[in-house]
Protein backbone atom coordinates (compact mmCIF):
# COMPACT_ATOMS: atom_id res chain seq x y z
CA MET A 1 102.54 105.16 103.19
CA THR A 2 102.62 108.24 100.02
CA SER A 3 106.71 108.40 99.23
CA PRO A 4 108.45 111.03 97.58
CA ALA A 5 109.38 108.39 94.53
CA ALA A 6 105.92 107.17 94.48
CA GLU A 7 104.78 111.01 93.69
CA ALA A 8 107.16 111.08 90.87
CA ALA A 9 106.25 107.99 89.19
CA ILE A 10 103.33 110.46 87.64
CA ALA A 11 105.84 112.74 86.23
CA ILE A 12 108.85 110.94 84.96
CA GLY A 13 107.77 107.12 84.69
CA ALA A 14 109.81 105.87 87.41
CA THR A 15 108.75 102.92 88.72
CA PRO A 16 108.99 103.14 92.83
CA PRO A 17 110.28 99.63 95.07
CA PRO A 18 107.37 97.67 96.27
CA LEU A 19 105.21 98.90 98.96
CA PRO A 20 105.94 97.12 102.60
CA PRO A 21 103.91 93.65 102.98
CA ASP A 22 100.49 94.51 104.98
CA PRO A 23 97.65 92.42 104.63
CA GLY A 24 95.56 95.37 104.49
CA LEU A 25 97.12 96.09 100.99
CA LEU A 26 95.86 93.19 99.23
CA LEU A 27 92.58 93.77 100.21
CA LEU A 28 93.04 97.36 99.23
CA ARG A 29 94.93 96.19 95.47
CA GLN A 30 91.89 93.94 95.29
CA GLU A 31 89.24 96.82 95.47
CA VAL A 32 91.51 99.01 92.93
CA GLU A 33 91.49 95.96 90.35
CA ASP A 34 88.22 95.20 90.52
CA PHE A 35 87.54 98.86 90.34
CA LEU A 36 89.81 98.91 87.19
CA LEU A 37 88.15 95.91 85.33
CA HIS A 38 84.70 97.35 85.89
CA GLU A 39 85.66 100.45 84.08
CA ALA A 40 87.18 98.62 81.24
CA ASP A 41 83.84 96.33 81.03
CA LEU A 42 81.62 99.48 81.32
CA LEU A 43 83.86 100.88 78.20
CA ASP A 44 83.96 97.43 76.29
CA GLU A 45 80.29 97.52 76.56
CA ARG A 46 80.13 100.79 75.17
CA ARG A 47 77.88 101.94 78.45
CA PHE A 48 79.73 105.19 78.25
CA ARG A 49 77.56 107.61 80.64
CA GLU A 50 78.50 105.27 83.69
CA TRP A 51 81.86 105.29 82.59
CA LEU A 52 81.79 108.41 82.78
CA ALA A 53 80.11 108.86 86.15
CA LEU A 54 83.06 106.93 87.65
CA LEU A 55 85.35 110.13 86.64
CA ALA A 56 86.10 112.62 89.65
CA GLU A 57 85.32 116.07 88.67
CA ASP A 58 88.67 117.22 88.67
CA ILE A 59 90.07 113.97 86.52
CA VAL A 60 93.44 114.57 84.11
CA TYR A 61 93.31 112.03 81.77
CA PHE A 62 97.00 112.84 79.89
CA MET A 63 98.46 110.76 77.22
CA PRO A 64 101.94 112.02 75.97
CA ILE A 65 103.69 111.77 73.00
CA ARG A 66 106.58 108.92 73.07
CA THR A 67 109.62 109.52 70.75
CA ASP A 68 112.75 107.67 69.94
CA ARG A 69 115.56 109.29 72.07
CA ALA A 70 119.55 108.12 71.69
CA PHE A 71 121.03 106.41 75.05
CA GLY A 72 121.72 109.05 77.90
CA GLU A 73 118.50 111.46 75.84
CA GLN A 74 115.85 109.25 77.52
CA ALA A 75 114.46 112.37 80.21
CA GLY A 76 112.78 113.94 76.94
CA GLU A 77 111.09 110.54 75.61
CA PHE A 78 107.54 112.18 77.08
CA THR A 79 106.09 115.38 76.15
CA ALA A 80 105.07 116.90 79.32
CA GLN A 81 101.36 117.93 80.31
CA GLY A 82 100.49 121.40 79.51
CA ARG A 83 103.51 122.25 77.46
CA GLY A 84 103.57 120.84 74.15
CA ILE A 85 101.16 118.40 72.21
CA SER A 86 100.19 114.89 73.65
CA TRP A 87 97.29 112.49 72.56
CA PHE A 88 95.08 113.30 74.90
CA ASP A 89 95.11 116.14 77.70
CA GLU A 90 91.86 116.24 78.83
CA ASP A 91 89.33 116.78 81.85
CA LYS A 92 85.88 115.79 82.61
CA TRP A 93 84.46 118.27 80.33
CA THR A 94 86.39 117.49 77.16
CA LEU A 95 85.82 113.42 78.31
CA THR A 96 81.91 114.00 78.60
CA LYS A 97 82.15 115.98 75.53
CA ARG A 98 83.68 113.16 73.64
CA VAL A 99 81.11 110.90 75.01
CA GLU A 100 78.11 113.02 73.69
CA GLN A 101 79.85 113.09 70.11
CA ILE A 102 80.53 109.22 69.89
CA LEU A 103 76.45 108.91 71.32
CA THR A 104 74.85 110.97 68.38
CA GLY A 105 75.33 108.10 65.87
CA VAL A 106 77.26 110.88 63.17
CA HIS A 107 80.72 110.78 64.73
CA TYR A 108 82.45 109.72 61.77
CA ALA A 109 85.58 107.73 63.35
CA GLU A 110 82.99 106.17 65.33
CA GLU A 111 80.03 105.11 62.95
CA PRO A 112 79.72 102.09 62.68
CA LEU A 113 81.06 101.98 66.69
CA SER A 114 83.91 100.32 67.03
CA ARG A 115 84.55 96.69 68.70
CA VAL A 116 86.76 96.88 71.61
CA CYS A 117 88.23 94.65 74.17
CA ARG A 118 90.58 95.67 77.01
CA VAL A 119 93.17 93.23 79.08
CA ILE A 120 93.60 94.85 82.33
CA THR A 121 96.40 93.04 83.88
CA GLY A 122 99.58 93.50 86.26
CA VAL A 123 97.96 95.92 88.73
CA ARG A 124 100.30 97.38 91.03
CA LEU A 125 99.98 100.23 94.29
CA LEU A 126 102.47 102.33 94.01
CA ALA A 127 101.65 104.84 96.80
CA VAL A 128 98.52 104.68 99.66
CA SER A 129 97.48 107.63 101.43
CA PRO A 130 97.78 107.15 105.37
CA ASP A 131 93.40 107.19 105.43
CA ARG A 132 93.78 104.71 102.23
CA ARG A 133 91.34 107.16 100.72
CA GLN A 134 93.81 107.63 98.02
CA VAL A 135 95.62 105.25 95.75
CA THR A 136 98.47 105.07 93.24
CA ALA A 137 98.29 102.19 91.14
CA ARG A 138 100.08 101.04 87.72
CA SER A 139 98.56 98.77 85.08
CA ARG A 140 99.26 97.15 82.19
CA PHE A 141 97.15 96.84 79.30
CA LEU A 142 96.26 95.44 76.12
CA VAL A 143 93.26 97.59 73.93
CA ARG A 144 92.63 95.64 70.38
CA GLN A 145 89.89 98.01 68.81
CA GLY A 146 88.25 96.44 65.87
CA ARG A 147 85.78 98.59 62.93
CA LEU A 148 84.02 96.61 59.66
CA ASP A 149 85.71 94.01 58.22
CA TYR A 150 89.16 95.25 58.23
CA GLU A 151 90.14 97.77 60.43
CA ARG A 152 92.01 96.84 63.78
CA ALA A 153 94.34 98.22 65.69
CA ASP A 154 96.72 96.90 68.84
CA PHE A 155 97.20 99.35 71.87
CA VAL A 156 99.83 98.37 74.53
CA GLY A 157 101.01 100.21 77.04
CA SER A 158 100.65 101.03 81.27
CA ARG A 159 98.10 103.49 83.16
CA THR A 160 99.33 105.06 86.14
CA ASP A 161 95.92 106.02 88.10
CA ILE A 162 95.09 107.70 91.02
CA LEU A 163 92.08 106.58 92.43
CA ARG A 164 90.39 108.70 95.17
CA ARG A 165 87.16 107.24 97.56
CA GLU A 166 84.63 109.68 97.08
CA PRO A 167 80.93 109.09 99.12
CA GLU A 168 79.39 106.64 95.98
CA GLY A 169 82.68 104.48 96.07
CA TRP A 170 85.93 104.35 93.85
CA ARG A 171 86.82 107.46 91.47
CA LEU A 172 88.90 108.20 89.11
CA ALA A 173 91.08 111.10 89.67
CA ARG A 174 94.35 111.12 87.21
CA ARG A 175 95.44 108.81 84.61
CA GLU A 176 98.64 109.01 83.02
CA ILE A 177 98.46 106.51 79.92
CA ILE A 178 101.77 105.64 78.33
CA LEU A 179 102.02 103.63 74.83
CA THR A 180 105.05 101.44 73.88
CA ASP A 181 104.66 102.96 70.27
CA THR A 182 106.15 106.09 69.14
CA VAL A 183 104.25 105.96 66.03
CA LEU A 184 100.56 105.19 65.83
CA LEU A 185 99.58 103.77 63.04
CA ALA A 186 95.25 103.72 64.13
CA LYS A 187 93.45 105.81 61.99
CA ASN A 188 92.03 107.60 64.53
CA LEU A 189 92.05 107.67 68.65
CA SER A 190 88.25 107.67 69.27
CA ILE A 191 88.35 105.32 71.81
CA PHE A 192 89.40 105.29 75.86
CA PHE A 193 91.76 103.74 77.64
C-alpha cells in the first residue's frame, strides 16, 4: 500500500490522499498512535534512556530550517537533509550523546531541567508496507517547554515518521519535524520532538 506519493511526502512535505478504507488499517493506526503517545509520555517524564530504546539503530532525526518564500518560490522553503544547515540532522549516536549530556546534570541549557508537555494529535497513516511491518505516519504536535519561573517556549508543527516493526516492537526509523515558525524565539533547542 505504499504509493510513490507517500514516499515523496517526507522529501517534499506533500500530503498524499487518504489510504483506502480497510478495517485492519484502523487497528494499525491505533497501534501507531499508542506508540507515539507512549513516546511523548517517556519524554515528558524525562525517561530519556527508555526513549532511546524506541529508536531504530539507523534512525534519521531531521528538522529542516524553514524560510519565508515569495509566492511561486515555495519549493525552497525547507533546507534539504545533508545539504546546508538544519535545526537537527542526527542519528542514534548523536541523539544518545545529547541524552548523556542532559543526564550529567551539568548541561547549561537544561539546568534546571525543562518541564515539557507534548500534545500529539491528528495521527494519520500515509503509507503502509504490504507486510504491515513499516508505516509512514504524520501527526501534529504542540510542545510547551518551561524553565525556571519565567522561560517558556511553544513549538507547533507536524512530524512525518517512519516506524518499523522489529522483534522488540515498533521502532522509530525516521522523523522529519516541520515547525510552523521560521524564527525560533526559544533560547535553545535542547528538547526532543
